[in-house]
Amino acid sequence: MHELSITQSLVDAVLERTGERTVTGVNLRIGPLSGVLPDAMRFCFDIVSADTPLAGAQLKIDEPRGLARCRNCRTEFELNDPILLCPCGSADVEVLSGRELMVMSVEVA
């Protein structure tokens, strides 16, 4: 479960920016093609943030849909998994969104 190490890195990065100020919320964007499971990050966040200024902070995760465009037929379509295949059958697709793994904002008291 690599979400544990990703969550630890997230908490470390937030602490580096906020110091000892109490953090009340962390807002993330995690796309379906990022390879990160939002539910696993939620679970890990409570464990990793315990005994830090982030303890009790609300983790909000925006989960945008994955979008791609076929280079053959030019159709845009939704991607829900890492199988990059257009409904026309072509695997020559450009991913437009869905790979996001970003901290959008941090809320401090």
C-alpha atoms as a PDB file:
ATOM      1  CA  MET A   1       0.000   0.000   0.000  1.00  0.00           C
ATOM      2  CA  HIS A   2       2.017   2.972  -1.284  1.00  0.00           C
ATOM      3  CA  GLU A   3      -0.714   5.347  -0.078  1.00  0.00           C
ATOM      4  CA  LEU A   4       0.884   5.216   3.379  1.00  0.00           C
ATOM      5  CA  SER A   5       4.188   6.650   2.138  1.00  0.00           C
ATOM      6  CA  ILE A   6       2.366   9.191  -0.064  1.00  0.00           C
ATOM      7  CA  THR A   7       0.270  10.299   2.913  1.00  0.00           C
ATOM      8  CA  GLN A   8       3.373  10.578   5.098  1.00  0.00           C
ATOM      9  CA  SER A   9       4.975  12.775   2.430  1.00  0.00           C
ATOM     10  CA  LEU A  10       1.803  14.881   2.299  1.00  0.00           C
ATOM     11  CA  VAL A  11       1.788  15.411   6.076  1.00  0.00           C
ATOM     12  CA  ASP A  12       5.534  16.212   6.036  1.00  0.00           C
ATOM     13  CA  ALA A  13       5.027  18.788   3.261  1.00  0.00           C
ATOM     14  CA  VAL A  14       2.125  20.452   5.076  1.00  0.00           C
ATOM     15  CA  LEU A  15       4.093  20.584   8.341  1.00  0.00           C
ATOM     16  CA  GLU A  16       7.051  22.093   6.504  1.00  0.00           C
ATOM     17  CA  ARG A  17       4.816  24.943   5.302  1.00  0.00           C
ATOM     18  CA  THR A  18       2.637  25.442   8.381  1.00  0.00           C
ATOM     19  CA  GLY A  19       5.046  24.727  11.226  1.00  0.00           C
ATOM     20  CA  GLU A  20       3.295  24.304  14.548  1.00  0.00           C
ATOM     21  CA  ARG A  21       0.056  26.047  13.504  1.00  0.00           C
ATOM     22  CA  THR A  22      -3.051  23.902  13.895  1.00  0.00           C
ATOM     23  CA  VAL A  23      -4.253  22.586  10.533  1.00  0.00           C
ATOM     24  CA  THR A  24      -8.031  22.171  10.268  1.00  0.00           C
ATOM     25  CA  GLY A  25      -8.293  20.924   6.695  1.00  0.00           C
ATOM     26  CA  VAL A  26      -6.326  19.620   3.727  1.00  0.00           C
ATOM     27  CA  ASN A  27      -7.874  19.687   0.259  1.00  0.00           C
ATOM     28  CA  LEU A  28      -6.547  17.292  -2.376  1.00  0.00           C
ATOM     29  CA  ARG A  29      -7.343  16.411  -5.970  1.00  0.00           C
ATOM     30  CA  ILE A  30      -6.767  12.750  -6.837  1.00  0.00           C
ATOM     31  CA  GLY A  31      -7.571  11.544 -10.350  1.00  0.00           C
ATOM     32  CA  PRO A  32      -8.608   7.969 -11.140  1.00  0.00           C
ATOM     33  CA  LEU A  33      -5.461   7.446 -13.228  1.00  0.00           C
ATOM     34  CA  SER A  34      -3.050   8.630 -10.519  1.00  0.00           C
ATOM     35  CA  GLY A  35      -2.603   5.150  -9.091  1.00  0.00           C
ATOM     36  CA  VAL A  36      -3.666   6.382  -5.652  1.00  0.00           C
ATOM     37  CA  LEU A  37      -6.813   5.155  -3.929  1.00  0.00           C
ATOM     38  CA  PRO A  38      -8.624   8.034  -2.186  1.00  0.00           C
ATOM     39  CA  ASP A  39     -10.185   5.759   0.454  1.00  0.00           C
ATOM     40  CA  ALA A  40      -6.771   4.358   1.351  1.00  0.00           C
ATOM     41  CA  MET A  41      -5.400   7.900   1.717  1.00  0.00           C
ATOM     42  CA  ARG A  42      -8.301   8.822   3.997  1.00  0.00           C
ATOM     43  CA  PHE A  43      -7.501   5.817   6.193  1.00  0.00           C
ATOM     44  CA  CYS A  44      -3.775   6.558   6.251  1.00  0.00           C
ATOM     45  CA  PHE A  45      -4.263  10.283   6.918  1.00  0.00           C
ATOM     46  CA  ASP A  46      -5.788   9.711  10.355  1.00  0.00           C
ATOM     47  CA  ILE A  47      -2.925   7.403  11.326  1.00  0.00           C
ATOM     48  CA  VAL A  48      -0.088   9.526   9.955  1.00  0.00           C
ATOM     49  CA  SER A  49      -1.442  12.859  11.226  1.00  0.00           C
ATOM     50  CA  ALA A  50      -1.955  11.630  14.817  1.00  0.00           C
ATOM     51  CA  ASP A  51       0.170  13.516  17.355  1.00  0.00           C
ATOM     52  CA  THR A  52       0.906  16.319  14.844  1.00  0.00           C
ATOM     53  CA  PRO A  53      -0.684  19.739  14.309  1.00  0.00           C
ATOM     54  CA  LEU A  54      -2.769  18.008  11.608  1.00  0.00           C
ATOM     55  CA  ALA A  55      -4.468  15.664  14.098  1.00  0.00           C
ATOM     56  CA  GLY A  56      -8.219  15.952  13.636  1.00  0.00           C
ATOM     57  CA  ALA A  57      -7.925  17.900  10.380  1.00  0.00           C
ATOM     58  CA  GLN A  58     -10.516  17.150   7.739  1.00  0.00           C
ATOM     59  CA  LEU A  59      -9.137  15.583   4.578  1.00  0.00           C
ATOM     60  CA  LYS A  60     -11.265  16.597   1.592  1.00  0.00           C
ATOM     61  CA  ILE A  61     -10.589  14.843  -1.688  1.00  0.00           C
ATOM     62  CA  ASP A  62     -11.877  16.049  -5.040  1.00  0.00           C
ATOM     63  CA  GLU A  63     -12.013  13.108  -7.443  1.00  0.00           C
ATOM     64  CA  PRO A  64     -12.193  14.468 -11.008  1.00  0.00           C
ATOM     65  CA  ARG A  65     -13.075  12.098 -13.788  1.00  0.00           C
ATOM     66  CA  GLY A  66     -10.496  10.890 -16.232  1.00  0.00           C
ATOM     67  CA  LEU A  67     -10.823  12.185 -19.780  1.00  0.00           C
ATOM     68  CA  ALA A  68      -9.030  11.218 -22.971  1.00  0.00           C
ATOM     69  CA  ARG A  69      -9.112  12.058 -26.668  1.00  0.00           C
ATOM     70  CA  CYS A  70      -8.579   9.516 -29.406  1.00  0.00           C
ATOM     71  CA  ARG A  71      -5.910  10.588 -31.883  1.00  0.00           C
ATOM     72  CA  ASN A  72      -7.591   8.541 -34.616  1.00  0.00           C
ATOM     73  CA  CYS A  73     -11.278   9.451 -34.413  1.00  0.00           C
ATOM     74  CA  ARG A  74     -10.864  12.631 -32.246  1.00  0.00           C
ATOM     75  CA  THR A  75     -13.595  11.460 -29.842  1.00  0.00           C
ATOM     76  CA  GLU A  76     -13.308  12.587 -26.211  1.00  0.00           C
ATOM     77  CA  PHE A  77     -14.317   9.921 -23.714  1.00  0.00           C
ATOM     78  CA  GLU A  78     -14.253   9.183 -20.001  1.00  0.00           C
ATOM     79  CA  LEU A  79     -11.553   6.984 -18.475  1.00  0.00           C
ATOM     80  CA  ASN A  80     -12.307   5.169 -15.242  1.00  0.00           C
ATOM     81  CA  ASP A  81      -9.256   2.912 -15.174  1.00  0.00           C
ATOM     82  CA  PRO A  82      -5.744   2.868 -16.616  1.00  0.00           C
ATOM     83  CA  ILE A  83      -6.797   0.943 -19.738  1.00  0.00           C
ATOM     84  CA  LEU A  84      -6.315   3.588 -22.401  1.00  0.00           C
ATOM     85  CA  LEU A  85      -8.632   2.350 -25.119  1.00  0.00           C
ATOM     86  CA  CYS A  86     -11.052   4.417 -27.205  1.00  0.00           C
ATOM     87  CA  PRO A  87     -14.546   3.045 -27.825  1.00  0.00           C
ATOM     88  CA  CYS A  88     -13.510   2.905 -31.529  1.00  0.00           C
ATOM     89  CA  GLY A  89     -10.858   0.325 -30.543  1.00  0.00           C
ATOM     90  CA  SER A  90      -7.780   2.526 -30.910  1.00  0.00           C
ATOM     91  CA  ALA A  91      -5.148   2.607 -28.191  1.00  0.00           C
ATOM     92  CA  ASP A  92      -3.675   5.825 -29.607  1.00  0.00           C
ATOM     93  CA  VAL A  93      -5.186   8.174 -27.029  1.00  0.00           C
ATOM     94  CA  GLU A  94      -4.132  11.378 -25.296  1.00  0.00           C
ATOM     95  CA  VAL A  95      -4.983  11.636 -21.601  1.00  0.00           C
ATOM     96  CA  LEU A  96      -6.571  15.038 -20.915  1.00  0.00           C
ATOM     97  CA  SER A  97      -7.212  14.656 -17.188  1.00  0.00           C
ATOM     98  CA  GLY A  98      -7.286  12.089 -14.431  1.00  0.00           C
ATOM     99  CA  ARG A  99      -3.626  11.804 -13.446  1.00  0.00           C
ATOM    100  CA  GLU A 100      -3.843  14.537 -10.828  1.00  0.00           C
ATOM    101  CA  LEU A 101      -2.364  14.089  -7.368  1.00  0.00           C
ATOM    102  CA  MET A 102      -2.300  17.610  -5.990  1.00  0.00           C
ATOM    103  CA  VAL A 103      -2.628  19.560  -2.775  1.00  0.00           C
ATOM    104  CA  MET A 104      -5.184  22.236  -3.620  1.00  0.00           C
ATOM    105  CA  SER A 105      -5.192  24.084  -0.295  1.00  0.00           C
ATOM    106  CA  VAL A 106      -4.498  23.815   3.420  1.00  0.00           C
ATOM    107  CA  GLU A 107      -6.704  25.402   6.092  1.00  0.00           C
ATOM    108  CA  VAL A 108      -5.118  26.602   9.322  1.00  0.00           C
ATOM    109  CA  ALA A 109      -6.711  27.826  12.550  1.00  0.00           C
END
